[in-house]
Amino acid sequence: MRAAGIRGVPSICLKTLNLSKCDLGEAAAAIFHQLPRSLQHLNLSGNRLRTLSMKALGSVVSFGWLPSLLSLDLSDNPLGPSGLKAFARGLSLSPQSLPLQSLKLARTKAKAEGVEAL
């Protein structure tokens, strides 16, 4: 932990976070705003994430909150085309280019329509 966080709150210098199969569902939306900015690898596979969660994740990205994110695993979530489109909107609104190198979307039902939004 670092001593100098925002407004005296300690910040965490976490690089990898695996939240796979935590059954987060739509509650994940509240968690996304708590993720440390230092995060490079985030695994959200198997959490029943849908459009609302993807809007929240997209919002976090659009505000530049995860500037170091290199890999994101969204596999095994019923995102569908609308969920992936919601996330893509956040990516497109980001003030800086996300250094994302790996995006896993296996078994998300994103279809071509969702993937094209990226």
Foldseek 3Di string as FASTA:
>chain_A
DAQDDPPRDDADLDAEDEPAQVQCELVVLVVLVVDGLNYAYYEHAHRQYEQNSLLSNLQCQLAVSNQRHAEYEHHNYQHALNNLLSNLVSCVNHPDHRNHNYYHHHHRNNPPNNVVSD
